[in-house]
Amino acid sequence: MPFWNRREMLLTSLIVISNPIGYVFGMFLLGALGGIYLLLAPPKKDIEPPKPEQLKTAIDNAKWGYQVMEADLLGIRDSRSERYKANCRKALPYFKKAISLDSNLGLAYQGQGMSLICQNSYLSGRQSLKHAKSLYLQQGKNRDAKEIDLILKLKK
């Protein structure tokens, strides 16, 4: 165990032993202040779409589609939330644009499939994911193909 961890644990234990009620009250106060900050913090703005000249290639469009899908979720991705479904709806045109630019880009088909499944279009989403898997296998990307298998198993 590194030295600073032992020192930090020793100081914390001394504080708790000397005044446990003060420690508990202090932790409560710290948590309450953090909660008030999160409650009053201004909401995050929607991400601004890049200018069309910035999204020239299929891979740029596909990556941007993934960013749109994951935007403003605070690391919590509940597929049933309305915010996530709205993000999936916003991302779908970017995946379609990527497919129109490069029909051999498995990443775009994978994103399109995930976006469609998110919007409860399971049949077309699974079809898009299966196409992405076949493209990955043709390109020798076996790891990505196995990832698609896992997604298909989870999204039955």
N, C-alpha and C. Protein backbone atom coordinates (compact mmCIF):
# COMPACT_ATOMS: atom_id res chain seq x y z
N MET A 1 0.85 -1.17 0.00
CA MET A 1 0.00 0.00 0.00
C MET A 1 0.89 1.24 0.00
N PRO A 2 0.65 2.18 -0.90
CA PRO A 2 1.47 3.40 -0.96
C PRO A 2 1.38 4.20 0.34
N PHE A 3 2.41 4.98 0.57
CA PHE A 3 2.51 5.73 1.81
C PHE A 3 1.36 6.72 1.99
N TRP A 4 0.98 7.43 0.93
CA TRP A 4 -0.04 8.45 1.07
C TRP A 4 -1.41 7.85 1.39
N ASN A 5 -1.67 6.61 0.95
CA ASN A 5 -2.93 5.96 1.31
C ASN A 5 -2.97 5.65 2.81
N ARG A 6 -1.85 5.19 3.35
CA ARG A 6 -1.81 4.90 4.79
C ARG A 6 -1.98 6.17 5.60
N ARG A 7 -1.32 7.23 5.15
CA ARG A 7 -1.42 8.49 5.88
C ARG A 7 -2.84 9.04 5.82
N GLU A 8 -3.46 8.96 4.66
CA GLU A 8 -4.83 9.43 4.50
C GLU A 8 -5.79 8.62 5.36
N MET A 9 -5.59 7.32 5.41
CA MET A 9 -6.46 6.47 6.23
C MET A 9 -6.25 6.77 7.71
N LEU A 10 -5.02 7.02 8.10
CA LEU A 10 -4.74 7.33 9.50
C LEU A 10 -5.39 8.65 9.90
N LEU A 11 -5.28 9.67 9.08
CA LEU A 11 -5.90 10.96 9.40
C LEU A 11 -7.42 10.84 9.47
N THR A 12 -8.01 10.12 8.53
CA THR A 12 -9.46 9.94 8.54
C THR A 12 -9.91 9.19 9.78
N SER A 13 -9.19 8.14 10.15
CA SER A 13 -9.58 7.38 11.33
C SER A 13 -9.41 8.21 12.60
N LEU A 14 -8.40 9.07 12.66
CA LEU A 14 -8.24 9.94 13.82
C LEU A 14 -9.40 10.93 13.94
N ILE A 15 -9.82 11.45 12.83
CA ILE A 15 -10.96 12.39 12.84
C ILE A 15 -12.22 11.67 13.30
N VAL A 16 -12.46 10.47 12.78
CA VAL A 16 -13.66 9.73 13.14
C VAL A 16 -13.64 9.35 14.62
N ILE A 17 -12.49 8.93 15.12
CA ILE A 17 -12.39 8.52 16.53
C ILE A 17 -12.56 9.71 17.46
N SER A 18 -11.98 10.84 17.10
CA SER A 18 -12.03 12.00 18.00
C SER A 18 -13.41 12.64 18.04
N ASN A 19 -14.15 12.65 16.93
CA ASN A 19 -15.46 13.27 16.92
C ASN A 19 -16.33 12.61 15.86
N PRO A 20 -16.92 11.44 16.15
CA PRO A 20 -17.69 10.73 15.13
C PRO A 20 -18.95 11.48 14.69
N ILE A 21 -19.60 12.18 15.60
CA ILE A 21 -20.81 12.91 15.23
C ILE A 21 -20.46 14.06 14.29
N GLY A 22 -19.38 14.75 14.57
CA GLY A 22 -18.93 15.82 13.70
C GLY A 22 -18.55 15.30 12.33
N TYR A 23 -17.94 14.13 12.30
CA TYR A 23 -17.55 13.54 11.02
C TYR A 23 -18.79 13.20 10.18
N VAL A 24 -19.76 12.56 10.82
CA VAL A 24 -20.99 12.19 10.11
C VAL A 24 -21.71 13.44 9.64
N PHE A 25 -21.80 14.45 10.49
CA PHE A 25 -22.46 15.70 10.11
C PHE A 25 -21.71 16.37 8.95
N GLY A 26 -20.40 16.36 9.01
CA GLY A 26 -19.60 16.95 7.95
C GLY A 26 -19.80 16.24 6.62
N MET A 27 -19.84 14.91 6.65
CA MET A 27 -20.07 14.15 5.42
C MET A 27 -21.48 14.42 4.88
N PHE A 28 -22.46 14.52 5.79
CA PHE A 28 -23.82 14.85 5.36
C PHE A 28 -23.86 16.23 4.72
N LEU A 29 -23.20 17.19 5.34
CA LEU A 29 -23.18 18.55 4.82
C LEU A 29 -22.48 18.60 3.46
N LEU A 30 -21.39 17.89 3.33
CA LEU A 30 -20.68 17.83 2.06
C LEU A 30 -21.56 17.22 0.96
N GLY A 31 -22.26 16.14 1.28
CA GLY A 31 -23.16 15.52 0.32
C GLY A 31 -24.33 16.43 -0.04
N ALA A 32 -24.86 17.12 0.95
CA ALA A 32 -25.98 18.03 0.70
C ALA A 32 -25.54 19.18 -0.20
N LEU A 33 -24.37 19.72 0.04
CA LEU A 33 -23.89 20.81 -0.81
C LEU A 33 -23.67 20.33 -2.25
N GLY A 34 -23.13 19.13 -2.39
CA GLY A 34 -22.95 18.57 -3.74
C GLY A 34 -24.29 18.35 -4.42
N GLY A 35 -25.28 17.88 -3.68
CA GLY A 35 -26.61 17.67 -4.25
C GLY A 35 -27.26 18.98 -4.67
N ILE A 36 -27.10 20.02 -3.85
CA ILE A 36 -27.66 21.33 -4.18
C ILE A 36 -26.99 21.87 -5.44
N TYR A 37 -25.69 21.70 -5.54
CA TYR A 37 -24.99 22.15 -6.74
C TYR A 37 -25.53 21.46 -7.99
N LEU A 38 -25.69 20.12 -7.91
CA LEU A 38 -26.19 19.38 -9.07
C LEU A 38 -27.63 19.78 -9.41
N LEU A 39 -28.40 20.11 -8.38
CA LEU A 39 -29.78 20.51 -8.60
C LEU A 39 -29.87 21.87 -9.28
N LEU A 40 -29.00 22.79 -8.88
CA LEU A 40 -29.06 24.15 -9.39
C LEU A 40 -28.16 24.40 -10.60
N ALA A 41 -27.32 23.44 -10.94
CA ALA A 41 -26.42 23.62 -12.08
C ALA A 41 -27.23 23.76 -13.36
N PRO A 42 -26.81 24.64 -14.26
CA PRO A 42 -27.56 24.79 -15.51
C PRO A 42 -27.49 23.50 -16.33
N PRO A 43 -28.59 23.16 -16.99
CA PRO A 43 -28.58 21.93 -17.80
C PRO A 43 -27.61 22.04 -18.95
N LYS A 44 -27.08 20.90 -19.35
CA LYS A 44 -26.15 20.88 -20.47
C LYS A 44 -26.91 21.16 -21.75
N LYS A 45 -26.27 21.89 -22.63
CA LYS A 45 -26.86 22.18 -23.93
C LYS A 45 -26.68 20.99 -24.85
N ASP A 46 -27.58 20.88 -25.81
CA ASP A 46 -27.41 19.85 -26.82
C ASP A 46 -26.13 20.13 -27.59
N ILE A 47 -25.50 19.06 -28.04
CA ILE A 47 -24.27 19.25 -28.80
C ILE A 47 -24.61 19.86 -30.15
N GLU A 48 -23.79 20.75 -30.56
CA GLU A 48 -24.00 21.43 -31.84
C GLU A 48 -23.49 20.54 -32.97
N PRO A 49 -24.30 20.36 -34.02
CA PRO A 49 -23.81 19.55 -35.13
C PRO A 49 -22.68 20.26 -35.86
N PRO A 50 -21.73 19.50 -36.34
CA PRO A 50 -20.64 20.12 -37.09
C PRO A 50 -21.13 20.64 -38.43
N LYS A 51 -20.37 21.50 -39.00
CA LYS A 51 -20.71 22.02 -40.33
C LYS A 51 -20.55 20.90 -41.35
N PRO A 52 -21.34 20.93 -42.41
CA PRO A 52 -21.27 19.84 -43.40
C PRO A 52 -19.88 19.62 -43.98
N GLU A 53 -19.09 20.66 -44.08
CA GLU A 53 -17.75 20.45 -44.64
C GLU A 53 -16.84 19.70 -43.67
N GLN A 54 -17.22 19.62 -42.40
CA GLN A 54 -16.42 18.88 -41.43
C GLN A 54 -16.71 17.37 -41.51
N LEU A 55 -17.88 17.00 -42.00
CA LEU A 55 -18.24 15.59 -42.12
C LEU A 55 -18.14 15.17 -43.59
N LYS A 56 -16.93 15.01 -44.05
CA LYS A 56 -16.72 14.69 -45.46
C LYS A 56 -16.76 13.20 -45.73
N THR A 57 -16.20 12.40 -44.83
CA THR A 57 -16.07 10.98 -45.10
C THR A 57 -17.14 10.18 -44.36
N ALA A 58 -17.27 8.93 -44.76
CA ALA A 58 -18.24 8.04 -44.13
C ALA A 58 -17.88 7.79 -42.67
N ILE A 59 -16.60 7.63 -42.39
CA ILE A 59 -16.17 7.36 -41.01
C ILE A 59 -16.46 8.57 -40.12
N ASP A 60 -16.31 9.78 -40.66
CA ASP A 60 -16.64 10.98 -39.88
C ASP A 60 -18.12 10.99 -39.52
N ASN A 61 -18.97 10.66 -40.46
CA ASN A 61 -20.41 10.63 -40.20
C ASN A 61 -20.76 9.55 -39.19
N ALA A 62 -20.16 8.37 -39.31
CA ALA A 62 -20.46 7.29 -38.38
C ALA A 62 -20.00 7.64 -36.96
N LYS A 63 -18.80 8.18 -36.83
CA LYS A 63 -18.31 8.57 -35.50
C LYS A 63 -19.17 9.67 -34.89
N TRP A 64 -19.60 10.61 -35.73
CA TRP A 64 -20.46 11.68 -35.23
C TRP A 64 -21.82 11.11 -34.79
N GLY A 65 -22.31 10.12 -35.52
CA GLY A 65 -23.57 9.48 -35.13
C GLY A 65 -23.46 8.85 -33.75
N TYR A 66 -22.33 8.19 -33.47
CA TYR A 66 -22.13 7.61 -32.15
C TYR A 66 -22.06 8.69 -31.07
N GLN A 67 -21.43 9.82 -31.39
CA GLN A 67 -21.36 10.92 -30.42
C GLN A 67 -22.74 11.48 -30.14
N VAL A 68 -23.56 11.58 -31.16
CA VAL A 68 -24.92 12.09 -30.97
C VAL A 68 -25.73 11.11 -30.12
N MET A 69 -25.56 9.81 -30.37
CA MET A 69 -26.30 8.82 -29.59
C MET A 69 -25.95 8.87 -28.12
N GLU A 70 -24.69 9.11 -27.79
CA GLU A 70 -24.23 9.09 -26.41
C GLU A 70 -24.24 10.46 -25.75
N ALA A 71 -24.68 11.48 -26.44
CA ALA A 71 -24.58 12.86 -25.93
C ALA A 71 -25.46 13.08 -24.72
N ASP A 72 -24.92 13.80 -23.74
CA ASP A 72 -25.69 14.31 -22.61
C ASP A 72 -26.35 13.21 -21.79
N LEU A 73 -25.68 12.09 -21.60
CA LEU A 73 -26.28 11.00 -20.84
C LEU A 73 -25.62 10.77 -19.49
N LEU A 74 -24.59 11.53 -19.15
CA LEU A 74 -23.91 11.44 -17.86
C LEU A 74 -23.43 10.02 -17.54
N GLY A 75 -23.09 9.27 -18.58
CA GLY A 75 -22.58 7.92 -18.36
C GLY A 75 -23.66 6.90 -18.08
N ILE A 76 -24.92 7.30 -18.01
CA ILE A 76 -26.02 6.39 -17.74
C ILE A 76 -26.75 6.17 -19.06
N ARG A 77 -26.72 4.95 -19.53
CA ARG A 77 -27.36 4.68 -20.82
C ARG A 77 -28.48 3.67 -20.61
N ASP A 78 -29.65 4.18 -20.29
CA ASP A 78 -30.81 3.33 -20.14
C ASP A 78 -31.56 3.34 -21.46
N SER A 79 -31.64 2.19 -22.09
CA SER A 79 -32.23 2.13 -23.43
C SER A 79 -33.72 2.45 -23.42
N ARG A 80 -34.34 2.52 -22.25
CA ARG A 80 -35.76 2.84 -22.19
C ARG A 80 -36.00 4.32 -21.98
N SER A 81 -34.97 5.09 -21.71
CA SER A 81 -35.19 6.51 -21.42
C SER A 81 -35.53 7.27 -22.69
N GLU A 82 -36.36 8.26 -22.55
CA GLU A 82 -36.80 9.06 -23.70
C GLU A 82 -35.64 9.88 -24.27
N ARG A 83 -34.74 10.32 -23.41
CA ARG A 83 -33.60 11.10 -23.89
C ARG A 83 -32.71 10.25 -24.80
N TYR A 84 -32.49 9.01 -24.40
CA TYR A 84 -31.65 8.13 -25.22
C TYR A 84 -32.33 7.83 -26.55
N LYS A 85 -33.64 7.60 -26.52
CA LYS A 85 -34.37 7.34 -27.77
C LYS A 85 -34.32 8.56 -28.69
N ALA A 86 -34.43 9.75 -28.11
CA ALA A 86 -34.34 10.97 -28.92
C ALA A 86 -32.95 11.10 -29.55
N ASN A 87 -31.92 10.78 -28.77
CA ASN A 87 -30.56 10.82 -29.31
C ASN A 87 -30.39 9.81 -30.45
N CYS A 88 -31.00 8.64 -30.30
CA CYS A 88 -30.92 7.62 -31.36
C CYS A 88 -31.60 8.11 -32.63
N ARG A 89 -32.73 8.79 -32.48
CA ARG A 89 -33.43 9.35 -33.64
C ARG A 89 -32.58 10.40 -34.34
N LYS A 90 -31.88 11.23 -33.54
CA LYS A 90 -31.02 12.27 -34.12
C LYS A 90 -29.80 11.67 -34.82
N ALA A 91 -29.32 10.53 -34.33
CA ALA A 91 -28.09 9.93 -34.87
C ALA A 91 -28.33 9.15 -36.15
N LEU A 92 -29.54 8.65 -36.34
CA LEU A 92 -29.82 7.78 -37.48
C LEU A 92 -29.47 8.40 -38.84
N PRO A 93 -29.77 9.69 -39.11
CA PRO A 93 -29.39 10.25 -40.42
C PRO A 93 -27.89 10.25 -40.67
N TYR A 94 -27.09 10.38 -39.62
CA TYR A 94 -25.63 10.37 -39.80
C TYR A 94 -25.15 8.98 -40.22
N PHE A 95 -25.76 7.94 -39.63
CA PHE A 95 -25.39 6.58 -40.03
C PHE A 95 -25.82 6.30 -41.47
N LYS A 96 -27.01 6.78 -41.83
CA LYS A 96 -27.49 6.58 -43.21
C LYS A 96 -26.59 7.32 -44.21
N LYS A 97 -26.15 8.50 -43.84
CA LYS A 97 -25.25 9.27 -44.71
C LYS A 97 -23.92 8.52 -44.86
N ALA A 98 -23.42 7.96 -43.75
CA ALA A 98 -22.17 7.20 -43.81
C ALA A 98 -22.32 5.98 -44.72
N ILE A 99 -23.47 5.32 -44.65
CA ILE A 99 -23.71 4.16 -45.52
C ILE A 99 -23.78 4.58 -46.98
N SER A 100 -24.40 5.74 -47.23
CA SER A 100 -24.48 6.19 -48.62
C SER A 100 -23.11 6.57 -49.18
N LEU A 101 -22.20 7.02 -48.31
CA LEU A 101 -20.85 7.37 -48.75
C LEU A 101 -19.96 6.15 -48.93
N ASP A 102 -20.13 5.14 -48.04
CA ASP A 102 -19.32 3.93 -48.11
C ASP A 102 -20.17 2.74 -47.66
N SER A 103 -20.62 1.96 -48.63
CA SER A 103 -21.51 0.85 -48.30
C SER A 103 -20.77 -0.34 -47.69
N ASN A 104 -19.46 -0.27 -47.55
CA ASN A 104 -18.69 -1.35 -46.94
C ASN A 104 -18.21 -1.01 -45.54
N LEU A 105 -18.78 0.01 -44.93
CA LEU A 105 -18.36 0.43 -43.60
C LEU A 105 -19.25 -0.25 -42.56
N GLY A 106 -18.72 -1.27 -41.93
CA GLY A 106 -19.47 -2.02 -40.93
C GLY A 106 -19.86 -1.18 -39.73
N LEU A 107 -19.03 -0.21 -39.37
CA LEU A 107 -19.31 0.66 -38.24
C LEU A 107 -20.61 1.43 -38.44
N ALA A 108 -20.86 1.85 -39.68
CA ALA A 108 -22.09 2.60 -39.97
C ALA A 108 -23.31 1.69 -39.86
N TYR A 109 -23.22 0.47 -40.38
CA TYR A 109 -24.34 -0.46 -40.27
C TYR A 109 -24.58 -0.85 -38.81
N GLN A 110 -23.50 -1.00 -38.05
CA GLN A 110 -23.64 -1.32 -36.63
C GLN A 110 -24.35 -0.18 -35.90
N GLY A 111 -23.93 1.05 -36.15
CA GLY A 111 -24.58 2.20 -35.53
C GLY A 111 -26.03 2.33 -35.94
N GLN A 112 -26.31 2.09 -37.21
CA GLN A 112 -27.69 2.16 -37.68
C GLN A 112 -28.53 1.09 -36.98
N GLY A 113 -27.99 -0.10 -36.85
CA GLY A 113 -28.71 -1.17 -36.18
C GLY A 113 -28.99 -0.85 -34.72
N MET A 114 -27.98 -0.33 -34.03
CA MET A 114 -28.17 0.03 -32.62
C MET A 114 -29.20 1.15 -32.48
N SER A 115 -29.15 2.11 -33.39
CA SER A 115 -30.09 3.22 -33.36
C SER A 115 -31.52 2.74 -33.62
N LEU A 116 -31.69 1.84 -34.56
CA LEU A 116 -33.02 1.32 -34.86
C LEU A 116 -33.57 0.47 -33.71
N ILE A 117 -32.71 -0.35 -33.12
CA ILE A 117 -33.15 -1.15 -31.98
C ILE A 117 -33.55 -0.25 -30.82
N CYS A 118 -32.80 0.81 -30.62
CA CYS A 118 -33.12 1.77 -29.57
C CYS A 118 -34.51 2.36 -29.77
N GLN A 119 -34.92 2.52 -31.02
CA GLN A 119 -36.22 3.09 -31.34
C GLN A 119 -37.30 2.02 -31.50
N ASN A 120 -37.02 0.81 -31.02
CA ASN A 120 -37.94 -0.33 -31.04
C ASN A 120 -38.23 -0.86 -32.44
N SER A 121 -37.36 -0.62 -33.40
CA SER A 121 -37.46 -1.24 -34.72
C SER A 121 -36.51 -2.43 -34.74
N TYR A 122 -36.92 -3.48 -34.01
CA TYR A 122 -36.02 -4.61 -33.78
C TYR A 122 -35.68 -5.36 -35.05
N LEU A 123 -36.64 -5.59 -35.91
CA LEU A 123 -36.39 -6.40 -37.10
C LEU A 123 -35.39 -5.73 -38.03
N SER A 124 -35.61 -4.46 -38.34
CA SER A 124 -34.66 -3.78 -39.24
C SER A 124 -33.33 -3.53 -38.54
N GLY A 125 -33.35 -3.32 -37.23
CA GLY A 125 -32.10 -3.14 -36.49
C GLY A 125 -31.25 -4.39 -36.49
N ARG A 126 -31.89 -5.54 -36.26
CA ARG A 126 -31.16 -6.81 -36.28
C ARG A 126 -30.62 -7.10 -37.69
N GLN A 127 -31.41 -6.75 -38.70
CA GLN A 127 -30.96 -6.96 -40.08
C GLN A 127 -29.71 -6.12 -40.37
N SER A 128 -29.71 -4.88 -39.91
CA SER A 128 -28.55 -4.01 -40.11
C SER A 128 -27.34 -4.54 -39.35
N LEU A 129 -27.56 -5.04 -38.13
CA LEU A 129 -26.45 -5.60 -37.36
C LEU A 129 -25.89 -6.86 -38.03
N LYS A 130 -26.76 -7.69 -38.58
CA LYS A 130 -26.28 -8.89 -39.28
C LYS A 130 -25.47 -8.52 -40.51
N HIS A 131 -25.89 -7.45 -41.20
CA HIS A 131 -25.11 -6.99 -42.36
C HIS A 131 -23.74 -6.47 -41.91
N ALA A 132 -23.72 -5.76 -40.78
CA ALA A 132 -22.44 -5.27 -40.24
C ALA A 132 -21.53 -6.44 -39.90
N LYS A 133 -22.12 -7.50 -39.32
CA LYS A 133 -21.33 -8.68 -38.97
C LYS A 133 -20.73 -9.32 -40.22
N SER A 134 -21.53 -9.44 -41.29
CA SER A 134 -21.00 -10.05 -42.52
C SER A 134 -19.89 -9.19 -43.12
N LEU A 135 -20.04 -7.86 -43.04
CA LEU A 135 -18.96 -6.98 -43.53
C LEU A 135 -17.70 -7.15 -42.69
N TYR A 136 -17.86 -7.24 -41.37
CA TYR A 136 -16.70 -7.42 -40.50
C TYR A 136 -15.99 -8.74 -40.82
N LEU A 137 -16.77 -9.80 -41.04
CA LEU A 137 -16.15 -11.09 -41.36
C LEU A 137 -15.43 -11.05 -42.70
N GLN A 138 -16.00 -10.36 -43.68
CA GLN A 138 -15.33 -10.23 -44.99
C GLN A 138 -14.03 -9.46 -44.87
N GLN A 139 -13.99 -8.50 -43.97
CA GLN A 139 -12.80 -7.66 -43.80
C GLN A 139 -11.81 -8.25 -42.80
N GLY A 140 -12.13 -9.41 -42.25
CA GLY A 140 -11.24 -10.07 -41.30
C GLY A 140 -11.26 -9.47 -39.91
N LYS A 141 -12.31 -8.75 -39.58
CA LYS A 141 -12.45 -8.14 -38.25
C LYS A 141 -13.28 -9.06 -37.36
N ASN A 142 -12.68 -10.17 -36.95
CA ASN A 142 -13.41 -11.19 -36.19
C ASN A 142 -13.84 -10.69 -34.82
N ARG A 143 -13.05 -9.86 -34.22
CA ARG A 143 -13.39 -9.34 -32.90
C ARG A 143 -14.67 -8.49 -32.97
N ASP A 144 -14.77 -7.66 -34.00
CA ASP A 144 -15.97 -6.84 -34.17
C ASP A 144 -17.18 -7.71 -34.47
N ALA A 145 -16.98 -8.78 -35.23
CA ALA A 145 -18.07 -9.70 -35.55
C ALA A 145 -18.57 -10.39 -34.28
N LYS A 146 -17.66 -10.75 -33.38
CA LYS A 146 -18.08 -11.37 -32.12
C LYS A 146 -18.84 -10.37 -31.25
N GLU A 147 -18.45 -9.12 -31.33
CA GLU A 147 -19.18 -8.07 -30.59
C GLU A 147 -20.62 -7.97 -31.09
N ILE A 148 -20.80 -8.08 -32.40
CA ILE A 148 -22.14 -8.05 -32.98
C ILE A 148 -22.95 -9.25 -32.48
N ASP A 149 -22.30 -10.42 -32.39
CA ASP A 149 -22.99 -11.60 -31.86
C ASP A 149 -23.50 -11.35 -30.45
N LEU A 150 -22.66 -10.73 -29.63
CA LEU A 150 -23.08 -10.43 -28.25
C LEU A 150 -24.26 -9.45 -28.23
N ILE A 151 -24.21 -8.46 -29.08
CA ILE A 151 -25.31 -7.49 -29.14
C ILE A 151 -26.59 -8.18 -29.59
N LEU A 152 -26.50 -9.05 -30.58
CA LEU A 152 -27.69 -9.75 -31.06
C LEU A 152 -28.27 -10.68 -30.00
N LYS A 153 -27.41 -11.29 -29.19
CA LYS A 153 -27.91 -12.13 -28.11
C LYS A 153 -28.62 -11.32 -27.04
N LEU A 154 -28.07 -10.14 -26.75
CA LEU A 154 -28.68 -9.30 -25.70
C LEU A 154 -29.98 -8.67 -26.17
N LYS A 155 -30.10 -8.37 -27.43
CA LYS A 155 -31.25 -7.63 -27.96
C LYS A 155 -32.28 -8.54 -28.61
N LYS A 156 -32.56 -9.68 -28.00
CA LYS A 156 -33.58 -10.59 -28.55
C LYS A 156 -34.96 -10.10 -28.28
